[in-house]
PDB file of all heavy atoms in Angstrom:
ATOM      1  N   LYS A   1       0.812  -1.232   0.029  1.00  0.00           N
ATOM      2  CA  LYS A   1       0.009   0.039   0.016  1.00  0.00           C
ATOM      3  C   LYS A   1       0.865   1.243   0.010  1.00  0.00           C
ATOM      4  O   LYS A   1       1.783   1.406   0.764  1.00  0.00           O
ATOM      5  CB  LYS A   1      -0.949   0.012   1.207  1.00  0.00           C
ATOM      6  CG  LYS A   1      -2.055  -0.964   1.127  1.00  0.00           C
ATOM      7  CD  LYS A   1      -2.974  -0.887   2.409  1.00  0.00           C
ATOM      8  CE  LYS A   1      -4.142  -1.844   2.240  1.00  0.00           C
ATOM      9  NZ  LYS A   1      -4.957  -1.796   3.535  1.00  0.00           N
ATOM     10  N   GLY A   2       0.515   2.249  -0.870  1.00  0.00           N
ATOM     11  CA  GLY A   2       1.222   3.439  -0.966  1.00  0.00           C
ATOM     12  C   GLY A   2       2.449   3.344  -1.889  1.00  0.00           C
ATOM     13  O   GLY A   2       3.014   4.393  -2.218  1.00  0.00           O
ATOM     14  N   ARG A   3       2.812   2.111  -2.349  1.00  0.00           N
ATOM     15  CA  ARG A   3       3.946   1.981  -3.304  1.00  0.00           C
ATOM     16  C   ARG A   3       3.504   1.407  -4.570  1.00  0.00           C
ATOM     17  O   ARG A   3       4.113   1.776  -5.641  1.00  0.00           O
ATOM     18  CB  ARG A   3       4.942   1.010  -2.592  1.00  0.00           C
ATOM     19  CG  ARG A   3       5.552   1.642  -1.335  1.00  0.00           C
ATOM     20  CD  ARG A   3       6.703   0.757  -0.788  1.00  0.00           C
ATOM     21  NE  ARG A   3       6.329  -0.668  -0.569  1.00  0.00           N
ATOM     22  CZ  ARG A   3       6.808  -1.728  -1.240  1.00  0.00           C
ATOM     23  NH1 ARG A   3       7.796  -1.549  -2.136  1.00  0.00           N
ATOM     24  NH2 ARG A   3       6.409  -2.935  -0.957  1.00  0.00           N
ATOM     25  N   PHE A   4       2.466   0.468  -4.649  1.00  0.00           N
ATOM     26  CA  PHE A   4       2.042  -0.154  -5.793  1.00  0.00           C
ATOM     27  C   PHE A   4       0.739   0.391  -6.293  1.00  0.00           C
ATOM     28  O   PHE A   4      -0.144   0.776  -5.426  1.00  0.00           O
ATOM     29  CB  PHE A   4       1.918  -1.647  -5.716  1.00  0.00           C
ATOM     30  CG  PHE A   4       3.267  -2.401  -5.456  1.00  0.00           C
ATOM     31  CD1 PHE A   4       4.434  -1.709  -5.305  1.00  0.00           C
ATOM     32  CD2 PHE A   4       3.229  -3.765  -5.535  1.00  0.00           C
ATOM     33  CE1 PHE A   4       5.632  -2.366  -5.079  1.00  0.00           C
ATOM     34  CE2 PHE A   4       4.524  -4.414  -5.362  1.00  0.00           C
ATOM     35  CZ  PHE A   4       5.708  -3.766  -5.173  1.00  0.00           C
ATOM     36  N   THR A   5       0.490   0.442  -7.534  1.00  0.00           N
ATOM     37  CA  THR A   5      -0.831   0.817  -8.058  1.00  0.00           C
ATOM     38  C   THR A   5      -1.269  -0.117  -9.150  1.00  0.00           C
ATOM     39  O   THR A   5      -0.563  -0.422 -10.109  1.00  0.00           O
ATOM     40  CB  THR A   5      -0.772   2.247  -8.644  1.00  0.00           C
ATOM     41  OG1 THR A   5      -0.330   3.187  -7.673  1.00  0.00           O
ATOM     42  CG2 THR A   5      -2.173   2.708  -9.183  1.00  0.00           C
ATOM     43  N   ILE A   6      -2.459  -0.643  -8.998  1.00  0.00           N
ATOM     44  CA  ILE A   6      -3.032  -1.545 -10.019  1.00  0.00           C
ATOM     45  C   ILE A   6      -4.029  -0.744 -10.917  1.00  0.00           C
ATOM     46  O   ILE A   6      -4.792   0.120 -10.380  1.00  0.00           O
ATOM     47  CB  ILE A   6      -3.695  -2.751  -9.397  1.00  0.00           C
ATOM     48  CG1 ILE A   6      -4.163  -3.818 -10.483  1.00  0.00           C
ATOM     49  CG2 ILE A   6      -4.913  -2.340  -8.530  1.00  0.00           C
ATOM     50  CD1 ILE A   6      -4.665  -5.150  -9.912  1.00  0.00           C
ATOM     51  N   ALA A   7      -4.046  -0.994 -12.151  1.00  0.00           N
ATOM     52  CA  ALA A   7      -4.939  -0.391 -13.101  1.00  0.00           C
ATOM     53  C   ALA A   7      -5.278  -1.343 -14.247  1.00  0.00           C
ATOM     54  O   ALA A   7      -4.579  -2.269 -14.471  1.00  0.00           O
ATOM     55  CB  ALA A   7      -4.305   0.985 -13.598  1.00  0.00           C
ATOM     56  N   ARG A   8      -6.418  -0.956 -14.915  1.00  0.00           N
ATOM     57  CA  ARG A   8      -6.675  -1.809 -16.129  1.00  0.00           C
ATOM     58  C   ARG A   8      -7.239  -0.918 -17.284  1.00  0.00           C
ATOM     59  O   ARG A   8      -7.742   0.148 -17.071  1.00  0.00           O
ATOM     60  CB  ARG A   8      -7.702  -2.898 -15.763  1.00  0.00           C
ATOM     61  CG  ARG A   8      -9.089  -2.348 -15.322  1.00  0.00           C
ATOM     62  CD  ARG A   8      -9.914  -3.462 -14.688  1.00  0.00           C
ATOM     63  NE  ARG A   8     -10.134  -4.615 -15.587  1.00  0.00           N
ATOM     64  CZ  ARG A   8     -10.539  -5.817 -15.157  1.00  0.00           C
ATOM     65  NH1 ARG A   8     -10.771  -5.992 -13.930  1.00  0.00           N
ATOM     66  NH2 ARG A   8     -10.631  -6.782 -16.037  1.00  0.00           N
ATOM     67  N   ASP A   9      -7.007  -1.457 -18.458  1.00  0.00           N
ATOM     68  CA  ASP A   9      -7.536  -0.799 -19.709  1.00  0.00           C
ATOM     69  C   ASP A   9      -8.321  -1.904 -20.361  1.00  0.00           C
ATOM     70  O   ASP A   9      -7.808  -2.826 -21.063  1.00  0.00           O
ATOM     71  CB  ASP A   9      -6.354  -0.373 -20.561  1.00  0.00           C
ATOM     72  CG  ASP A   9      -6.790   0.335 -21.823  1.00  0.00           C
ATOM     73  OD1 ASP A   9      -7.994   0.191 -22.218  1.00  0.00           O
ATOM     74  OD2 ASP A   9      -5.955   1.045 -22.435  1.00  0.00           O
ATOM     75  N   ASN A  10      -9.645  -1.756 -20.194  1.00  0.00           N
ATOM     76  CA  ASN A  10     -10.587  -2.848 -20.694  1.00  0.00           C
ATOM     77  C   ASN A  10     -10.564  -2.899 -22.191  1.00  0.00           C
ATOM     78  O   ASN A  10     -10.763  -3.931 -22.824  1.00  0.00           O
ATOM     79  CB  ASN A  10     -11.959  -2.723 -20.135  1.00  0.00           C
ATOM     80  CG  ASN A  10     -12.017  -2.929 -18.667  1.00  0.00           C
ATOM     81  OD1 ASN A  10     -11.259  -3.754 -18.148  1.00  0.00           O
ATOM     82  ND2 ASN A  10     -12.891  -2.216 -17.965  1.00  0.00           N
ATOM     83  N   ALA A  11     -10.416  -1.751 -22.871  1.00  0.00           N
ATOM     84  CA  ALA A  11     -10.401  -1.676 -24.313  1.00  0.00           C
ATOM     85  C   ALA A  11      -9.273  -2.483 -24.906  1.00  0.00           C
ATOM     86  O   ALA A  11      -9.317  -3.063 -26.041  1.00  0.00           O
ATOM     87  CB  ALA A  11     -10.389  -0.245 -24.832  1.00  0.00           C
ATOM     88  N   MET A  12      -8.160  -2.563 -24.095  1.00  0.00           N
ATOM     89  CA  MET A  12      -6.973  -3.275 -24.582  1.00  0.00           C
ATOM     90  C   MET A  12      -6.823  -4.642 -23.918  1.00  0.00           C
ATOM     91  O   MET A  12      -5.968  -5.383 -24.187  1.00  0.00           O
ATOM     92  CB  MET A  12      -5.793  -2.501 -24.245  1.00  0.00           C
ATOM     93  CG  MET A  12      -5.706  -1.163 -25.095  1.00  0.00           C
ATOM     94  SD  MET A  12      -5.534  -1.507 -26.801  1.00  0.00           S
ATOM     95  CE  MET A  12      -3.963  -2.167 -27.022  1.00  0.00           C
ATOM     96  N   ASN A  13      -7.835  -4.938 -22.948  1.00  0.00           N
ATOM     97  CA  ASN A  13      -7.748  -6.187 -22.232  1.00  0.00           C
ATOM     98  C   ASN A  13      -6.384  -6.401 -21.468  1.00  0.00           C
ATOM     99  O   ASN A  13      -5.804  -7.463 -21.536  1.00  0.00           O
ATOM    100  CB  ASN A  13      -7.994  -7.415 -23.140  1.00  0.00           C
ATOM    101  CG  ASN A  13      -9.452  -7.451 -23.633  1.00  0.00           C
ATOM    102  OD1 ASN A  13     -10.335  -7.167 -22.932  1.00  0.00           O
ATOM    103  ND2 ASN A  13      -9.685  -7.898 -24.899  1.00  0.00           N
ATOM    104  N   THR A  14      -5.946  -5.314 -20.800  1.00  0.00           N
ATOM    105  CA  THR A  14      -4.756  -5.410 -20.066  1.00  0.00           C
ATOM    106  C   THR A  14      -4.929  -4.887 -18.652  1.00  0.00           C
ATOM    107  O   THR A  14      -5.826  -4.116 -18.365  1.00  0.00           O
ATOM    108  CB  THR A  14      -3.619  -4.577 -20.710  1.00  0.00           C
ATOM    109  OG1 THR A  14      -4.097  -3.200 -20.790  1.00  0.00           O
ATOM    110  CG2 THR A  14      -3.286  -5.094 -22.145  1.00  0.00           C
ATOM    111  N   VAL A  15      -4.148  -5.329 -17.723  1.00  0.00           N
ATOM    112  CA  VAL A  15      -4.058  -4.916 -16.366  1.00  0.00           C
ATOM    113  C   VAL A  15      -2.539  -4.669 -16.050  1.00  0.00           C
ATOM    114  O   VAL A  15      -1.700  -5.482 -16.504  1.00  0.00           O
ATOM    115  CB  VAL A  15      -4.693  -5.905 -15.398  1.00  0.00           C
ATOM    116  CG1 VAL A  15      -4.022  -7.209 -15.414  1.00  0.00           C
ATOM    117  CG2 VAL A  15      -4.634  -5.327 -13.940  1.00  0.00           C
ATOM    118  N   SER A  16      -2.259  -3.626 -15.332  1.00  0.00           N
ATOM    119  CA  SER A  16      -0.932  -3.206 -15.018  1.00  0.00           C
ATOM    120  C   SER A  16      -0.734  -3.140 -13.515  1.00  0.00           C
ATOM    121  O   SER A  16      -1.662  -3.011 -12.673  1.00  0.00           O
ATOM    122  CB  SER A  16      -0.557  -1.878 -15.655  1.00  0.00           C
ATOM    123  OG  SER A  16      -1.328  -0.895 -15.065  1.00  0.00           O
ATOM    124  N   LEU A  17       0.543  -3.234 -13.121  1.00  0.00           N
ATOM    125  CA  LEU A  17       0.954  -3.045 -11.707  1.00  0.00           C
ATOM    126  C   LEU A  17       2.212  -2.141 -11.794  1.00  0.00           C
ATOM    127  O   LEU A  17       3.288  -2.624 -12.138  1.00  0.00           O
ATOM    128  CB  LEU A  17       1.255  -4.376 -11.076  1.00  0.00           C
ATOM    129  CG  LEU A  17       1.566  -4.288  -9.549  1.00  0.00           C
ATOM    130  CD1 LEU A  17       0.320  -3.952  -8.745  1.00  0.00           C
ATOM    131  CD2 LEU A  17       2.178  -5.644  -9.088  1.00  0.00           C
ATOM    132  N   GLN A  18       1.950  -0.903 -11.397  1.00  0.00           N
ATOM    133  CA  GLN A  18       3.044   0.135 -11.241  1.00  0.00           C
ATOM    134  C   GLN A  18       3.663  -0.088  -9.840  1.00  0.00           C
ATOM    135  O   GLN A  18       2.961   0.095  -8.843  1.00  0.00           O
ATOM    136  CB  GLN A  18       2.560   1.506 -11.395  1.00  0.00           C
ATOM    137  CG  GLN A  18       3.559   2.582 -11.253  1.00  0.00           C
ATOM    138  CD  GLN A  18       4.664   2.572 -12.294  1.00  0.00           C
ATOM    139  OE1 GLN A  18       4.392   2.411 -13.474  1.00  0.00           O
ATOM    140  NE2 GLN A  18       5.911   2.625 -11.949  1.00  0.00           N
ATOM    141  N   MET A  19       4.875  -0.342  -9.824  1.00  0.00           N
ATOM    142  CA  MET A  19       5.671  -0.666  -8.552  1.00  0.00           C
ATOM    143  C   MET A  19       6.709   0.405  -8.331  1.00  0.00           C
ATOM    144  O   MET A  19       7.659   0.557  -9.110  1.00  0.00           O
ATOM    145  CB  MET A  19       6.278  -2.030  -8.561  1.00  0.00           C
ATOM    146  CG  MET A  19       5.231  -3.141  -8.897  1.00  0.00           C
ATOM    147  SD  MET A  19       6.042  -4.836  -8.804  1.00  0.00           S
ATOM    148  CE  MET A  19       7.187  -4.636 -10.115  1.00  0.00           C
ATOM    149  N   ASN A  20       6.524   1.220  -7.247  1.00  0.00           N
ATOM    150  CA  ASN A  20       7.478   2.244  -6.931  1.00  0.00           C
ATOM    151  C   ASN A  20       8.080   1.988  -5.531  1.00  0.00           C
ATOM    152  O   ASN A  20       7.585   1.156  -4.780  1.00  0.00           O
ATOM    153  CB  ASN A  20       6.715   3.626  -6.882  1.00  0.00           C
ATOM    154  CG  ASN A  20       6.151   4.069  -8.187  1.00  0.00           C
ATOM    155  OD1 ASN A  20       6.735   3.754  -9.234  1.00  0.00           O
ATOM    156  ND2 ASN A  20       5.026   4.729  -8.134  1.00  0.00           N
ATOM    157  N   SER A  21       9.193   2.655  -5.323  1.00  0.00           N
ATOM    158  CA  SER A  21       9.902   2.505  -4.058  1.00  0.00           C
ATOM    159  C   SER A  21      10.145   1.051  -3.688  1.00  0.00           C
ATOM    160  O   SER A  21       9.882   0.559  -2.607  1.00  0.00           O
ATOM    161  CB  SER A  21       9.166   3.144  -2.925  1.00  0.00           C
ATOM    162  OG  SER A  21       8.909   4.469  -3.139  1.00  0.00           O
ATOM    163  N   LEU A  22      10.606   0.287  -4.675  1.00  0.00           N
ATOM    164  CA  LEU A  22      10.797  -1.153  -4.551  1.00  0.00           C
ATOM    165  C   LEU A  22      11.850  -1.492  -3.470  1.00  0.00           C
ATOM    166  O   LEU A  22      12.871  -0.753  -3.270  1.00  0.00           O
ATOM    167  CB  LEU A  22      11.268  -1.706  -5.892  1.00  0.00           C
ATOM    168  CG  LEU A  22      10.126  -1.904  -6.881  1.00  0.00           C
ATOM    169  CD1 LEU A  22      10.633  -2.124  -8.292  1.00  0.00           C
ATOM    170  CD2 LEU A  22       9.237  -3.060  -6.449  1.00  0.00           C
ATOM    171  N   LYS A  23      11.642  -2.589  -2.719  1.00  0.00           N
ATOM    172  CA  LYS A  23      12.469  -3.073  -1.737  1.00  0.00           C
ATOM    173  C   LYS A  23      12.899  -4.455  -1.998  1.00  0.00           C
ATOM    174  O   LYS A  23      12.271  -5.126  -2.805  1.00  0.00           O
ATOM    175  CB  LYS A  23      11.644  -3.075  -0.373  1.00  0.00           C
ATOM    176  CG  LYS A  23      11.007  -1.788   0.001  1.00  0.00           C
ATOM    177  CD  LYS A  23      10.136  -2.039   1.251  1.00  0.00           C
ATOM    178  CE  LYS A  23       9.492  -0.708   1.669  1.00  0.00           C
ATOM    179  NZ  LYS A  23       8.567  -0.892   2.895  1.00  0.00           N
ATOM    180  N   PRO A  24      14.089  -4.893  -1.430  1.00  0.00           N
ATOM    181  CA  PRO A  24      14.582  -6.236  -1.665  1.00  0.00           C
ATOM    182  C   PRO A  24      13.525  -7.319  -1.446  1.00  0.00           C
ATOM    183  O   PRO A  24      13.472  -8.377  -2.097  1.00  0.00           O
ATOM    184  CB  PRO A  24      15.793  -6.399  -0.774  1.00  0.00           C
ATOM    185  CG  PRO A  24      16.281  -5.015  -0.634  1.00  0.00           C
ATOM    186  CD  PRO A  24      15.072  -4.157  -0.678  1.00  0.00           C
ATOM    187  N   GLU A  25      12.677  -7.139  -0.451  1.00  0.00           N
ATOM    188  CA  GLU A  25      11.648  -8.109  -0.103  1.00  0.00           C
ATOM    189  C   GLU A  25      10.550  -8.194  -1.108  1.00  0.00           C
ATOM    190  O   GLU A  25       9.649  -9.038  -0.991  1.00  0.00           O
ATOM    191  CB  GLU A  25      11.082  -7.778   1.303  1.00  0.00           C
ATOM    192  CG  GLU A  25      10.635  -6.390   1.536  1.00  0.00           C
ATOM    193  CD  GLU A  25      11.671  -5.500   2.155  1.00  0.00           C
ATOM    194  OE1 GLU A  25      12.880  -5.628   1.866  1.00  0.00           O
ATOM    195  OE2 GLU A  25      11.329  -4.739   3.104  1.00  0.00           O
ATOM    196  N   ASP A  26      10.547  -7.285  -2.043  1.00  0.00           N
ATOM    197  CA  ASP A  26       9.629  -7.395  -3.206  1.00  0.00           C
ATOM    198  C   ASP A  26      10.053  -8.365  -4.287  1.00  0.00           C
ATOM    199  O   ASP A  26       9.291  -8.642  -5.136  1.00  0.00           O
ATOM    200  CB  ASP A  26       9.371  -6.055  -3.854  1.00  0.00           C
ATOM    201  CG  ASP A  26       8.741  -5.032  -2.926  1.00  0.00           C
ATOM    202  OD1 ASP A  26       7.791  -5.395  -2.240  1.00  0.00           O
ATOM    203  OD2 ASP A  26       9.122  -3.863  -2.934  1.00  0.00           O
ATOM    204  N   THR A  27      11.326  -8.880  -4.122  1.00  0.00           N
ATOM    205  CA  THR A  27      11.787  -9.784  -5.093  1.00  0.00           C
ATOM    206  C   THR A  27      10.941 -11.105  -5.090  1.00  0.00           C
ATOM    207  O   THR A  27      10.724 -11.698  -4.062  1.00  0.00           O
ATOM    208  CB  THR A  27      13.244 -10.177  -4.763  1.00  0.00           C
ATOM    209  OG1 THR A  27      14.082  -9.002  -4.862  1.00  0.00           O
ATOM    210  CG2 THR A  27      13.775 -11.249  -5.666  1.00  0.00           C
ATOM    211  N   ALA A  28      10.451 -11.469  -6.194  1.00  0.00           N
ATOM    212  CA  ALA A  28       9.574 -12.592  -6.412  1.00  0.00           C
ATOM    213  C   ALA A  28       9.249 -12.793  -7.888  1.00  0.00           C
ATOM    214  O   ALA A  28       9.449 -11.921  -8.709  1.00  0.00           O
ATOM    215  CB  ALA A  28       8.275 -12.465  -5.567  1.00  0.00           C
ATOM    216  N   VAL A  29       8.536 -13.932  -8.164  1.00  0.00           N
ATOM    217  CA  VAL A  29       7.887 -14.091  -9.443  1.00  0.00           C
ATOM    218  C   VAL A  29       6.534 -13.559  -9.273  1.00  0.00           C
ATOM    219  O   VAL A  29       5.770 -13.899  -8.427  1.00  0.00           O
ATOM    220  CB  VAL A  29       7.824 -15.584  -9.883  1.00  0.00           C
ATOM    221  CG1 VAL A  29       7.041 -15.698 -11.197  1.00  0.00           C
ATOM    222  CG2 VAL A  29       9.278 -16.127 -10.074  1.00  0.00           C
ATOM    223  N   TYR A  30       6.135 -12.611 -10.132  1.00  0.00           N
ATOM    224  CA  TYR A  30       4.842 -11.984 -10.101  1.00  0.00           C
ATOM    225  C   TYR A  30       3.889 -12.609 -11.149  1.00  0.00           C
ATOM    226  O   TYR A  30       4.209 -12.709 -12.298  1.00  0.00           O
ATOM    227  CB  TYR A  30       4.908 -10.534 -10.393  1.00  0.00           C
ATOM    228  CG  TYR A  30       5.453  -9.738  -9.135  1.00  0.00           C
ATOM    229  CD1 TYR A  30       6.803  -9.888  -8.736  1.00  0.00           C
ATOM    230  CD2 TYR A  30       4.615  -8.949  -8.470  1.00  0.00           C
ATOM    231  CE1 TYR A  30       7.216  -9.247  -7.682  1.00  0.00           C
ATOM    232  CE2 TYR A  30       5.086  -8.176  -7.306  1.00  0.00           C
ATOM    233  CZ  TYR A  30       6.471  -8.413  -6.957  1.00  0.00           C
ATOM    234  OH  TYR A  30       6.922  -7.741  -5.799  1.00  0.00           O
ATOM    235  N   TYR A  31       2.695 -12.972 -10.675  1.00  0.00           N
ATOM    236  CA  TYR A  31       1.639 -13.659 -11.475  1.00  0.00           C
ATOM    237  C   TYR A  31       0.432 -12.804 -11.669  1.00  0.00           C
ATOM    238  O   TYR A  31      -0.106 -12.243 -10.680  1.00  0.00           O
ATOM    239  CB  TYR A  31       1.268 -14.966 -10.871  1.00  0.00           C
ATOM    240  CG  TYR A  31       2.438 -16.011 -10.696  1.00  0.00           C
ATOM    241  CD1 TYR A  31       3.195 -16.081  -9.553  1.00  0.00           C
ATOM    242  CD2 TYR A  31       2.635 -16.971 -11.750  1.00  0.00           C
ATOM    243  CE1 TYR A  31       4.199 -16.969  -9.447  1.00  0.00           C
ATOM    244  CE2 TYR A  31       3.624 -17.832 -11.596  1.00  0.00           C
ATOM    245  CZ  TYR A  31       4.425 -17.892 -10.500  1.00  0.00           C
ATOM    246  OH  TYR A  31       5.413 -18.773 -10.397  1.00  0.00           O
ATOM    247  N   CYS A  32      -0.109 -12.868 -12.872  1.00  0.00           N
ATOM    248  CA  CYS A  32      -1.388 -12.240 -13.199  1.00  0.00           C
ATOM    249  C   CYS A  32      -2.458 -13.366 -13.075  1.00  0.00           C
ATOM    250  O   CYS A  32      -2.221 -14.438 -13.451  1.00  0.00           O
ATOM    251  CB  CYS A  32      -1.369 -11.634 -14.526  1.00  0.00           C
ATOM    252  SG  CYS A  32      -2.938 -10.934 -15.129  1.00  0.00           S
ATOM    253  N   ALA A  33      -3.614 -13.002 -12.507  1.00  0.00           N
ATOM    254  CA  ALA A  33      -4.728 -13.922 -12.321  1.00  0.00           C
ATOM    255  C   ALA A  33      -6.019 -13.325 -12.577  1.00  0.00           C
ATOM    256  O   ALA A  33      -6.191 -12.078 -12.538  1.00  0.00           O
ATOM    257  CB  ALA A  33      -4.651 -14.507 -10.908  1.00  0.00           C
ATOM    258  N   ALA A  34      -7.041 -14.144 -12.945  1.00  0.00           N
ATOM    259  CA  ALA A  34      -8.366 -13.663 -13.272  1.00  0.00           C
ATOM    260  C   ALA A  34      -9.421 -14.573 -12.631  1.00  0.00           C
ATOM    261  O   ALA A  34      -9.231 -15.774 -12.437  1.00  0.00           O
ATOM    262  CB  ALA A  34      -8.620 -13.637 -14.744  1.00  0.00           C
ATOM    263  N   ARG A  35     -10.554 -13.912 -12.202  1.00  0.00           N
ATOM    264  CA  ARG A  35     -11.640 -14.669 -11.619  1.00  0.00           C
ATOM    265  C   ARG A  35     -12.962 -14.135 -12.188  1.00  0.00           C
ATOM    266  O   ARG A  35     -13.068 -12.966 -12.569  1.00  0.00           O
ATOM    267  CB  ARG A  35     -11.654 -14.587 -10.114  1.00  0.00           C
ATOM    268  CG  ARG A  35     -12.035 -13.227  -9.476  1.00  0.00           C
ATOM    269  CD  ARG A  35     -11.769 -13.194  -7.999  1.00  0.00           C
ATOM    270  NE  ARG A  35     -12.605 -14.144  -7.280  1.00  0.00           N
ATOM    271  CZ  ARG A  35     -13.530 -13.912  -6.426  1.00  0.00           C
ATOM    272  NH1 ARG A  35     -13.870 -12.622  -6.200  1.00  0.00           N
ATOM    273  NH2 ARG A  35     -14.214 -14.864  -5.772  1.00  0.00           N
ATOM    274  N   VAL A  36     -14.023 -14.961 -12.210  1.00  0.00           N
ATOM    275  CA  VAL A  36     -15.321 -14.596 -12.786  1.00  0.00           C
ATOM    276  C   VAL A  36     -16.088 -13.685 -11.901  1.00  0.00           C
ATOM    277  O   VAL A  36     -16.703 -12.718 -12.343  1.00  0.00           O
ATOM    278  CB  VAL A  36     -16.060 -15.888 -13.198  1.00  0.00           C
ATOM    279  CG1 VAL A  36     -17.450 -15.427 -13.674  1.00  0.00           C
ATOM    280  CG2 VAL A  36     -15.376 -16.656 -14.280  1.00  0.00           C
ATOM    281  N   LEU A  37     -16.083 -13.990 -10.599  1.00  0.00           N
ATOM    282  CA  LEU A  37     -16.863 -13.194  -9.605  1.00  0.00           C
ATOM    283  C   LEU A  37     -16.444 -11.741  -9.614  1.00  0.00           C
ATOM    284  O   LEU A  37     -15.190 -11.513  -9.604  1.00  0.00           O
ATOM    285  CB  LEU A  37     -16.850 -13.851  -8.266  1.00  0.00           C
ATOM    286  CG  LEU A  37     -17.498 -15.200  -8.228  1.00  0.00           C
ATOM    287  CD1 LEU A  37     -17.422 -15.775  -6.767  1.00  0.00           C
ATOM    288  CD2 LEU A  37     -18.936 -15.164  -8.609  1.00  0.00           C
ATOM    289  N   PRO A  38     -17.355 -10.801  -9.463  1.00  0.00           N
ATOM    290  CA  PRO A  38     -17.032  -9.342  -9.558  1.00  0.00           C
ATOM    291  C   PRO A  38     -16.562  -8.756  -8.290  1.00  0.00           C
ATOM    292  O   PRO A  38     -16.940  -7.604  -7.971  1.00  0.00           O
ATOM    293  CB  PRO A  38     -18.362  -8.767 -10.136  1.00  0.00           C
ATOM    294  CG  PRO A  38     -19.381  -9.625  -9.488  1.00  0.00           C
ATOM    295  CD  PRO A  38     -18.803 -11.065  -9.430  1.00  0.00           C
ATOM    296  N   THR A  39     -15.740  -9.373  -7.539  1.00  0.00           N
ATOM    297  CA  THR A  39     -15.181  -8.888  -6.255  1.00  0.00           C
ATOM    298  C   THR A  39     -13.679  -9.245  -6.158  1.00  0.00           C
ATOM    299  O   THR A  39     -13.419 -10.349  -6.478  1.00  0.00           O
ATOM    300  CB  THR A  39     -15.950  -9.362  -4.991  1.00  0.00           C
ATOM    301  OG1 THR A  39     -16.038 -10.809  -4.992  1.00  0.00           O
ATOM    302  CG2 THR A  39     -17.432  -8.828  -5.003  1.00  0.00           C
ATOM    303  N   PRO A  40     -12.906  -8.381  -5.630  1.00  0.00           N
ATOM    304  CA  PRO A  40     -11.525  -8.726  -5.427  1.00  0.00           C
ATOM    305  C   PRO A  40     -11.375  -9.506  -4.160  1.00  0.00           C
ATOM    306  O   PRO A  40     -12.110  -9.371  -3.214  1.00  0.00           O
ATOM    307  CB  PRO A  40     -10.891  -7.280  -5.273  1.00  0.00           C
ATOM    308  CG  PRO A  40     -11.932  -6.380  -4.692  1.00  0.00           C
ATOM    309  CD  PRO A  40     -13.195  -6.898  -5.288  1.00  0.00           C
ATOM    310  N   THR A  41     -10.356 -10.413  -4.195  1.00  0.00           N
ATOM    311  CA  THR A  41     -10.102 -11.206  -2.988  1.00  0.00           C
ATOM    312  C   THR A  41      -8.574 -11.562  -2.962  1.00  0.00           C
ATOM    313  O   THR A  41      -7.917 -11.597  -3.947  1.00  0.00           O
ATOM    314  CB  THR A  41     -10.887 -12.483  -3.115  1.00  0.00           C
ATOM    315  OG1 THR A  41     -10.559 -13.388  -1.955  1.00  0.00           O
ATOM    316  CG2 THR A  41     -10.612 -13.270  -4.392  1.00  0.00           C
TER     317      THR A  41
END
């Protein structure tokens, strides 16, 4: 929170993750995922 921003462009069918102020503990493999239900979890 306060460092990353998620956004989407439905016309282009894309979702982005802007990551600022990165820390060594952010090191990982990052995965994109999708679900049918219209709520985040």
